[in-house]
Amino acid sequence: MKKREENLLNCVIKEHIRTGQPVGSDLLAGKHGLKLSSATIRNEMAELEKRGYLTHPYTSAGRIPTEKGYYFYLENFLEEKELDKKIKNNLKKVKKQFKKSPQFLLKEIAKILTESSEGTILVSSQPHDVYFTGLTNLFSQPEFREFGLISHLSRVIDHFDEQIENIFTQIDEEVEVMVGRKNPFNEECSMIITKYHLPEGSKGIIGILGPMRMDYEHNLALLKYIKELLNRPAA
């Protein structure tokens, strides 16, 4: 892919993550350091669509990223992000407050994750033992306002425990990103998930489920910090 096409794809994805709306050439012209005319941007976006990185809803002239586009973004443009100090301090306080009660600790951390990630949070200490919160975050996203899709997502959520059993054996120790069809819960969503180990010996998985246009940089920073915090011996 040419450098100009890479930069344009990066801009489309970042703009779509920010707004949740299809991105048009007029919006991009002059933004993000793109010194290109609207006509040139339209031609480049059409080429990116032909190659499978972008698509467009039939009701809009703007483009949105495809699963292939998101993976290109994750592999080439993702930047390490430092987690906000306020969020870190809140998580540390919860860890200290509930250090002798792992079950309550994980639920309180899930609540903070829900607010900070704007996603649905799953926590499981063992297969068939699943706690999730933040469903309103998922259903309030513009992508999921169609009744049919909401109904489908609801059925998926009803079977979280069945999927969790498979997830336990599939993921390794690193924080993992699953986009679209690689996400076992729903191909319309993305999942960032990892295993955790508590100092007293218990372990499990914790993850953020959200739309494919989730803020990957922020949510990865969240889960990486939480993984490290949970693994750390209590002060």
Foldseek 3Di string as FASTA:
>chain_A
DDPLLVQLLLVQLVVCLVPVDFDALVVPDPPPPDPDDSVVSLVSVVVCVVVQQWDDDPVDPGIYGDLVVLVCCVVPPADADAADPVLVVVLLVLCQVCVVPVVVSVVVLLVSCCVQFLFKKWWDLAQPRIDIDNVVSACPRPVNVDPVSVVVLVVLVVCVSVVQNVVVPPDDADFDKAAAPRDPSHNQKIKTKHKAAAPVGTITMMMTIHGNSGPVNNSNNSVVSSRVVRHDHHD
